[in-house]
Amino acid sequence: MRRRPELGRRARRALDGVVHALKPDGLDRCLPDRVLLEYSLDPKTGPVAVVAVGDPFTATHVTWMVSGMGIRPETAMWGAVNEAGNLWAAQRAAGAPRPATIAWLGYRSPNALATLFDSPARTGARALADHLMRCQDQLRRAQPGAVPQVHLGLEAHSYGTVVAAYALELLQQRRQAGDAVPSVDVLVLAGAIGLPRRLAREPALMGMDPLRVYEASAPQDRLAQIGRFSGRRLPWSGVHTLPVEPPAAGAQGRARGAVERTADGSTLDGVAVRGHDTSRWSPQAGEDAPRGYRDPGTITLAATARVTTGLPLPRA
């Protein structure tokens, strides 16, 4: 912080966001300490930052959250970590003993025009795949022989879903080359803007069984549709659908006396999500205000928490 005045504007804003997210009183005090895993203020490639809620090297479940267009450390660091905290709390509520959720802002996310192209996603995918490899190495050192027992998940939103797809392809290529690579147990897509045509036609290139992929697509999420059409991408096929509104939802997206029951007897409850954003709600807005994919209290966040901890969804 002593060198802060020497930094450029973007780097200062990124640093402030990281510091705010790491402070004990920066987020809900019910959340565990945050861990700064990686960061760079290099103006040529960054700023980039990766912050965990909880300790990923002692966790039973680790979930990386990959964001999309315009979500960068200098614009949304605190918000991204707050969203990771929302998922952490939902995973604990679902029964995960020691979860860790990671706000991965490890690439220069594109602006609106650049989302039409895959080159930023490919760059981000290389960074994400390399990061996952480094985390696996650290996890092996922290918990010798325990890596297979740690449940690993990816949750991605908007353009981040393209980054995640390319990262999985890179990991699969390394696996086929004989490298020891992390095995992602589940992939969650929110507001997906489609899959590159080559991967859509040959999904095996990602090394991910479609039955381990879950997609949430909210009503009125027109940006996802525009992104898929404009980028000439194809829909994900053969994947599970995550709920985006509760059964018997009313006009405001709230359930009218109905909850969904899961295969293990638990219930899945929450309000609906609307639009493309991950976060759009605050307590001051009131209970009936619209919510995004990662907002607390939504049925989508509750469902995401279950699948990223290896738990079943309600019966169809």
Protein backbone atom coordinates (compact mmCIF):
# COMPACT_ATOMS: atom_id res chain seq x y z
CA MET A 1 0.00 0.00 0.00
CA ARG A 2 2.96 2.34 0.51
CA ARG A 3 3.57 2.24 -3.25
CA ARG A 4 -0.08 2.91 -4.08
CA PRO A 5 0.47 6.52 -5.26
CA GLU A 6 3.01 5.23 -7.79
CA LEU A 7 0.46 2.96 -9.46
CA GLY A 8 -1.76 3.78 -12.41
CA ARG A 9 -5.49 4.39 -11.96
CA ARG A 10 -6.56 0.86 -12.92
CA ALA A 11 -3.97 -0.72 -10.64
CA ARG A 12 -4.99 1.50 -7.71
CA ARG A 13 -8.64 0.61 -8.13
CA ALA A 14 -7.80 -3.10 -8.39
CA LEU A 15 -5.62 -2.93 -5.28
CA ASP A 16 -8.35 -1.13 -3.34
CA GLY A 17 -10.88 -3.78 -4.38
CA VAL A 18 -8.62 -6.62 -3.29
CA VAL A 19 -7.84 -4.98 0.06
CA HIS A 20 -11.53 -4.29 0.71
CA ALA A 21 -12.45 -7.91 -0.02
CA LEU A 22 -9.68 -9.23 2.24
CA LYS A 23 -10.52 -7.08 5.27
CA PRO A 24 -12.25 -8.96 8.12
CA ASP A 25 -15.12 -6.48 8.01
CA GLY A 26 -15.12 -6.19 4.22
CA LEU A 27 -17.82 -8.87 3.86
CA ASP A 28 -20.38 -10.56 6.08
CA ARG A 29 -18.62 -11.56 9.30
CA CYS A 30 -20.23 -15.00 9.08
CA LEU A 31 -17.93 -15.77 6.14
CA PRO A 32 -14.47 -17.27 6.65
CA ASP A 33 -11.24 -15.41 6.03
CA ARG A 34 -10.42 -14.63 2.44
CA VAL A 35 -7.20 -15.87 0.84
CA LEU A 36 -5.36 -13.98 -1.91
CA LEU A 37 -4.19 -16.75 -4.22
CA GLU A 38 -2.75 -14.73 -7.11
CA TYR A 39 -2.60 -11.18 -8.34
CA SER A 40 -0.77 -8.97 -10.79
CA LEU A 41 -0.95 -5.23 -11.32
CA ASP A 42 1.06 -5.39 -14.54
CA PRO A 43 -0.67 -2.96 -16.91
CA LYS A 44 0.26 -5.09 -19.93
CA THR A 45 -1.62 -8.21 -18.78
CA GLY A 46 -3.68 -7.04 -15.84
CA PRO A 47 -4.70 -6.16 -13.33
CA VAL A 48 -5.76 -9.71 -12.50
CA ALA A 49 -6.58 -11.22 -9.11
CA VAL A 50 -7.82 -14.48 -7.62
CA VAL A 51 -9.38 -14.47 -4.14
CA ALA A 52 -10.80 -17.43 -2.23
CA VAL A 53 -13.50 -17.44 0.42
CA GLY A 54 -12.23 -20.14 2.76
CA ASP A 55 -9.00 -22.09 2.48
CA PRO A 56 -8.96 -24.13 -0.75
CA PHE A 57 -6.03 -26.23 0.48
CA THR A 58 -7.93 -27.67 3.46
CA ALA A 59 -11.37 -27.69 1.81
CA THR A 60 -13.63 -30.64 1.03
CA HIS A 61 -15.17 -28.80 -1.93
CA VAL A 62 -13.55 -26.15 -4.11
CA THR A 63 -15.51 -24.15 -6.69
CA TRP A 64 -14.01 -21.62 -9.09
CA MET A 65 -16.29 -18.81 -10.28
CA VAL A 66 -15.43 -17.42 -13.72
CA SER A 67 -17.02 -14.12 -14.66
CA GLY A 68 -17.63 -12.53 -18.02
CA MET A 69 -17.74 -9.24 -19.87
CA GLY A 70 -16.21 -6.27 -18.08
CA ILE A 71 -15.77 -8.02 -14.72
CA ARG A 72 -12.22 -7.10 -13.73
CA PRO A 73 -10.36 -6.43 -10.47
CA GLU A 74 -10.52 -2.67 -11.03
CA THR A 75 -14.27 -2.73 -11.72
CA ALA A 76 -15.77 -5.53 -9.63
CA MET A 77 -13.28 -7.22 -7.29
CA TRP A 78 -15.29 -6.78 -4.12
CA GLY A 79 -18.51 -7.76 -5.87
CA ALA A 80 -16.97 -10.92 -7.31
CA VAL A 81 -15.69 -11.99 -3.89
CA ASN A 82 -19.05 -11.16 -2.34
CA GLU A 83 -20.69 -13.47 -4.89
CA ALA A 84 -18.19 -16.17 -3.95
CA GLY A 85 -19.27 -15.62 -0.35
CA ASN A 86 -22.91 -16.10 -1.36
CA LEU A 87 -22.08 -19.47 -2.90
CA TRP A 88 -19.93 -20.45 0.09
CA ALA A 89 -22.84 -19.77 2.46
CA ALA A 90 -25.24 -21.71 0.22
CA GLN A 91 -22.84 -24.67 0.07
CA ARG A 92 -22.56 -24.70 3.86
CA ALA A 93 -26.35 -24.59 4.09
CA ALA A 94 -26.47 -27.57 1.71
CA GLY A 95 -24.18 -29.52 4.03
CA ALA A 96 -20.66 -29.08 2.64
CA PRO A 97 -18.27 -29.47 5.61
CA ARG A 98 -15.45 -27.18 4.48
CA PRO A 99 -16.16 -25.48 1.15
CA ALA A 100 -13.98 -22.89 -0.54
CA THR A 101 -15.22 -20.70 -3.35
CA ILE A 102 -12.85 -18.77 -5.58
CA ALA A 103 -13.50 -15.50 -7.38
CA TRP A 104 -11.29 -16.00 -10.43
CA LEU A 105 -10.63 -12.69 -12.15
CA GLY A 106 -7.49 -14.03 -13.74
CA TYR A 107 -7.84 -12.62 -17.25
CA ARG A 108 -8.62 -9.35 -18.96
CA SER A 109 -12.30 -9.87 -19.59
CA PRO A 110 -13.50 -8.32 -22.86
CA ASN A 111 -15.70 -5.34 -23.49
CA ALA A 112 -19.04 -5.78 -25.26
CA LEU A 113 -17.67 -5.71 -28.81
CA ALA A 114 -14.85 -8.15 -28.07
CA THR A 115 -17.30 -10.77 -26.77
CA LEU A 116 -18.12 -11.48 -30.41
CA PHE A 117 -14.71 -13.11 -30.73
CA ASP A 118 -13.09 -16.05 -28.98
CA SER A 119 -9.53 -14.74 -28.71
CA PRO A 120 -10.02 -13.20 -25.22
CA ALA A 121 -11.59 -16.49 -24.12
CA ARG A 122 -8.63 -18.49 -25.40
CA THR A 123 -6.23 -16.21 -23.52
CA GLY A 124 -8.35 -16.51 -20.40
CA ALA A 125 -8.57 -20.28 -20.82
CA ARG A 126 -4.80 -20.63 -20.82
CA ALA A 127 -4.61 -18.59 -17.63
CA LEU A 128 -7.41 -20.60 -16.00
CA ALA A 129 -5.96 -23.98 -16.98
CA ASP A 130 -2.52 -22.96 -15.70
CA HIS A 131 -4.07 -21.70 -12.46
CA LEU A 132 -5.94 -24.98 -11.94
CA MET A 133 -2.71 -26.90 -12.49
CA ARG A 134 -0.89 -24.75 -9.91
CA CYS A 135 -3.71 -25.21 -7.41
CA GLN A 136 -3.57 -28.97 -7.90
CA ASP A 137 0.16 -28.97 -7.18
CA GLN A 138 -0.38 -26.91 -4.01
CA LEU A 139 -3.24 -29.15 -2.94
CA ARG A 140 -1.10 -32.24 -3.36
CA ARG A 141 1.54 -30.69 -1.13
CA ALA A 142 -1.01 -29.58 1.46
CA GLN A 143 -3.00 -32.83 1.49
CA PRO A 144 -0.79 -35.66 0.22
CA GLY A 145 -2.91 -38.34 -1.39
CA ALA A 146 -6.12 -36.43 -0.74
CA VAL A 147 -6.69 -34.82 -4.15
CA PRO A 148 -9.20 -37.44 -5.37
CA GLN A 149 -11.35 -36.76 -2.27
CA VAL A 150 -11.69 -33.03 -2.97
CA HIS A 151 -14.77 -32.18 -5.04
CA LEU A 152 -13.85 -29.65 -7.75
CA GLY A 153 -16.35 -27.46 -9.57
CA LEU A 154 -16.43 -24.66 -12.11
CA GLU A 155 -19.22 -22.08 -12.15
CA ALA A 156 -19.12 -19.66 -15.08
CA HIS A 157 -21.27 -16.78 -16.24
CA SER A 158 -21.81 -15.20 -19.66
CA TYR A 159 -18.52 -14.90 -21.59
CA GLY A 160 -16.89 -16.81 -18.73
CA THR A 161 -18.65 -19.94 -19.98
CA VAL A 162 -16.60 -19.73 -23.19
CA VAL A 163 -13.43 -19.32 -21.12
CA ALA A 164 -14.36 -22.39 -19.07
CA ALA A 165 -15.05 -24.47 -22.19
CA TYR A 166 -11.66 -23.68 -23.72
CA ALA A 167 -9.93 -24.28 -20.37
CA LEU A 168 -11.50 -27.74 -20.14
CA GLU A 169 -10.28 -28.47 -23.66
CA LEU A 170 -6.73 -27.47 -22.70
CA LEU A 171 -6.86 -29.69 -19.61
CA GLN A 172 -8.12 -32.58 -21.72
CA GLN A 173 -5.23 -32.09 -24.17
CA ARG A 174 -2.75 -32.17 -21.29
CA ARG A 175 -4.45 -35.27 -19.88
CA GLN A 176 -4.14 -37.04 -23.22
CA ALA A 177 -0.46 -36.04 -23.33
CA GLY A 178 0.06 -37.91 -20.07
CA ASP A 179 0.07 -34.99 -17.64
CA ALA A 180 -1.58 -35.23 -14.24
CA VAL A 181 -4.35 -32.66 -14.46
CA PRO A 182 -7.20 -31.77 -12.09
CA SER A 183 -10.47 -33.53 -12.77
CA VAL A 184 -13.39 -31.12 -12.68
CA ASP A 185 -16.41 -32.90 -11.21
CA VAL A 186 -19.09 -30.45 -12.29
CA LEU A 187 -19.55 -27.43 -14.56
CA VAL A 188 -22.31 -24.90 -13.94
CA LEU A 189 -23.27 -22.42 -16.67
CA ALA A 190 -25.25 -19.27 -15.96
CA GLY A 191 -26.38 -16.98 -18.74
CA ALA A 192 -24.26 -18.94 -21.22
CA ILE A 193 -23.60 -17.21 -24.54
CA GLY A 194 -23.14 -20.48 -26.38
CA LEU A 195 -20.38 -22.92 -27.19
CA PRO A 196 -17.81 -22.51 -29.98
CA ARG A 197 -19.03 -24.56 -32.93
CA ARG A 198 -16.08 -26.93 -32.96
CA LEU A 199 -16.59 -27.82 -29.29
CA ALA A 200 -20.36 -28.02 -29.73
CA ARG A 201 -19.92 -30.58 -32.51
CA GLU A 202 -17.25 -32.52 -30.60
CA PRO A 203 -17.95 -32.01 -26.88
CA ALA A 204 -15.63 -34.89 -26.02
CA LEU A 205 -12.78 -32.47 -26.74
CA MET A 206 -13.55 -30.89 -23.36
CA GLY A 207 -13.32 -34.20 -21.53
CA MET A 208 -16.54 -33.37 -19.69
CA ASP A 209 -19.56 -35.68 -19.67
CA PRO A 210 -22.64 -33.55 -20.48
CA LEU A 211 -24.37 -35.24 -17.54
CA ARG A 212 -21.98 -33.33 -15.27
CA VAL A 213 -22.89 -29.99 -16.84
CA TYR A 214 -25.75 -27.84 -15.53
CA GLU A 215 -27.16 -24.74 -17.19
CA ALA A 216 -29.26 -21.92 -15.76
CA SER A 217 -31.00 -19.63 -18.24
CA ALA A 218 -33.17 -16.97 -16.66
CA PRO A 219 -36.31 -15.48 -18.19
CA GLN A 220 -35.61 -12.22 -19.99
CA ASP A 221 -31.90 -13.05 -20.30
CA ARG A 222 -31.71 -11.51 -23.75
CA LEU A 223 -28.01 -10.71 -23.51
CA ALA A 224 -27.17 -14.41 -23.46
CA GLN A 225 -29.27 -14.94 -26.58
CA ILE A 226 -27.69 -11.96 -28.32
CA GLY A 227 -24.20 -13.13 -27.37
CA ARG A 228 -24.82 -16.59 -28.75
CA PHE A 229 -26.33 -15.32 -31.99
CA SER A 230 -23.83 -12.52 -32.59
CA GLY A 231 -20.85 -14.73 -31.77
CA ARG A 232 -22.21 -17.48 -34.05
CA ARG A 233 -22.01 -19.98 -31.21
CA LEU A 234 -24.21 -23.02 -30.65
CA PRO A 235 -26.24 -23.98 -27.58
CA TRP A 236 -24.89 -26.48 -25.08
CA SER A 237 -26.71 -29.76 -25.67
CA GLY A 238 -27.45 -32.77 -23.52
CA VAL A 239 -26.86 -30.91 -20.26
CA HIS A 240 -29.01 -30.65 -17.14
CA THR A 241 -31.21 -27.62 -16.54
CA LEU A 242 -30.93 -25.71 -13.28
CA PRO A 243 -34.12 -24.14 -11.92
CA VAL A 244 -34.41 -20.38 -12.31
CA GLU A 245 -37.77 -19.98 -10.62
CA PRO A 246 -39.62 -21.97 -7.98
CA PRO A 247 -42.73 -24.01 -8.71
CA ALA A 248 -45.97 -22.02 -8.65
CA ALA A 249 -44.02 -18.76 -8.88
CA GLY A 250 -46.09 -15.62 -8.88
CA ALA A 251 -45.61 -12.46 -10.88
CA GLN A 252 -42.72 -11.34 -8.69
CA GLY A 253 -40.99 -14.71 -8.97
CA ARG A 254 -41.81 -15.82 -5.40
CA ALA A 255 -43.16 -19.27 -4.65
CA ARG A 256 -46.75 -19.58 -3.53
CA GLY A 257 -46.48 -22.28 -0.90
CA ALA A 258 -44.44 -24.76 -2.94
CA VAL A 259 -40.90 -26.07 -2.61
CA GLU A 260 -39.01 -28.67 -4.58
CA ARG A 261 -37.93 -31.87 -2.84
CA THR A 262 -34.62 -33.48 -3.77
CA ALA A 263 -33.85 -37.16 -4.17
CA ASP A 264 -32.22 -37.27 -0.72
CA GLY A 265 -35.33 -35.78 0.91
CA SER A 266 -34.04 -32.23 1.24
CA THR A 267 -36.00 -29.28 -0.06
CA LEU A 268 -34.89 -26.72 -2.60
CA ASP A 269 -36.41 -23.31 -2.12
CA GLY A 270 -35.74 -19.74 -3.17
CA VAL A 271 -36.97 -16.91 -5.34
CA ALA A 272 -36.64 -16.53 -9.09
CA VAL A 273 -33.84 -14.87 -11.02
CA ARG A 274 -34.41 -12.40 -13.82
CA GLY A 275 -32.25 -11.08 -16.62
CA HIS A 276 -28.55 -11.58 -17.32
CA ASP A 277 -26.79 -10.11 -14.28
CA THR A 278 -25.17 -12.18 -11.57
CA SER A 279 -26.01 -9.64 -8.86
CA ARG A 280 -28.74 -7.04 -8.86
CA TRP A 281 -30.28 -7.29 -5.38
CA SER A 282 -29.58 -5.66 -2.01
CA PRO A 283 -31.48 -5.92 1.28
CA GLN A 284 -32.49 -2.28 0.89
CA ALA A 285 -34.28 -3.14 -2.36
CA GLY A 286 -36.84 -5.32 -0.60
CA GLU A 287 -37.64 -9.01 -0.86
CA ASP A 288 -39.59 -8.68 -4.11
CA ALA A 289 -36.85 -6.84 -6.02
CA PRO A 290 -35.34 -8.67 -9.03
CA ARG A 291 -32.32 -10.90 -8.38
CA GLY A 292 -29.45 -12.24 -10.43
CA TYR A 293 -27.96 -15.70 -10.84
CA ARG A 294 -25.58 -15.38 -7.85
CA ASP A 295 -27.78 -13.34 -5.54
CA PRO A 296 -28.59 -14.82 -2.11
CA GLY A 297 -31.99 -16.36 -1.60
CA THR A 298 -32.51 -17.48 -5.20
CA ILE A 299 -33.46 -21.00 -6.17
CA THR A 300 -30.65 -20.94 -8.75
CA LEU A 301 -27.98 -20.24 -6.13
CA ALA A 302 -29.41 -22.99 -3.93
CA ALA A 303 -29.35 -25.44 -6.85
CA THR A 304 -25.83 -24.37 -7.83
CA ALA A 305 -24.68 -24.99 -4.27
CA ARG A 306 -26.09 -28.51 -4.35
CA VAL A 307 -24.57 -29.60 -7.64
CA THR A 308 -21.19 -28.05 -6.82
CA THR A 309 -21.12 -30.10 -3.64
CA GLY A 310 -22.12 -33.31 -5.39
CA LEU A 311 -25.70 -33.38 -4.12
CA PRO A 312 -28.78 -34.29 -6.19
CA LEU A 313 -31.36 -31.91 -7.56
CA PRO A 314 -35.13 -32.41 -7.22
CA ARG A 315 -36.65 -35.25 -9.18
CA ALA A 316 -38.00 -34.28 -12.56
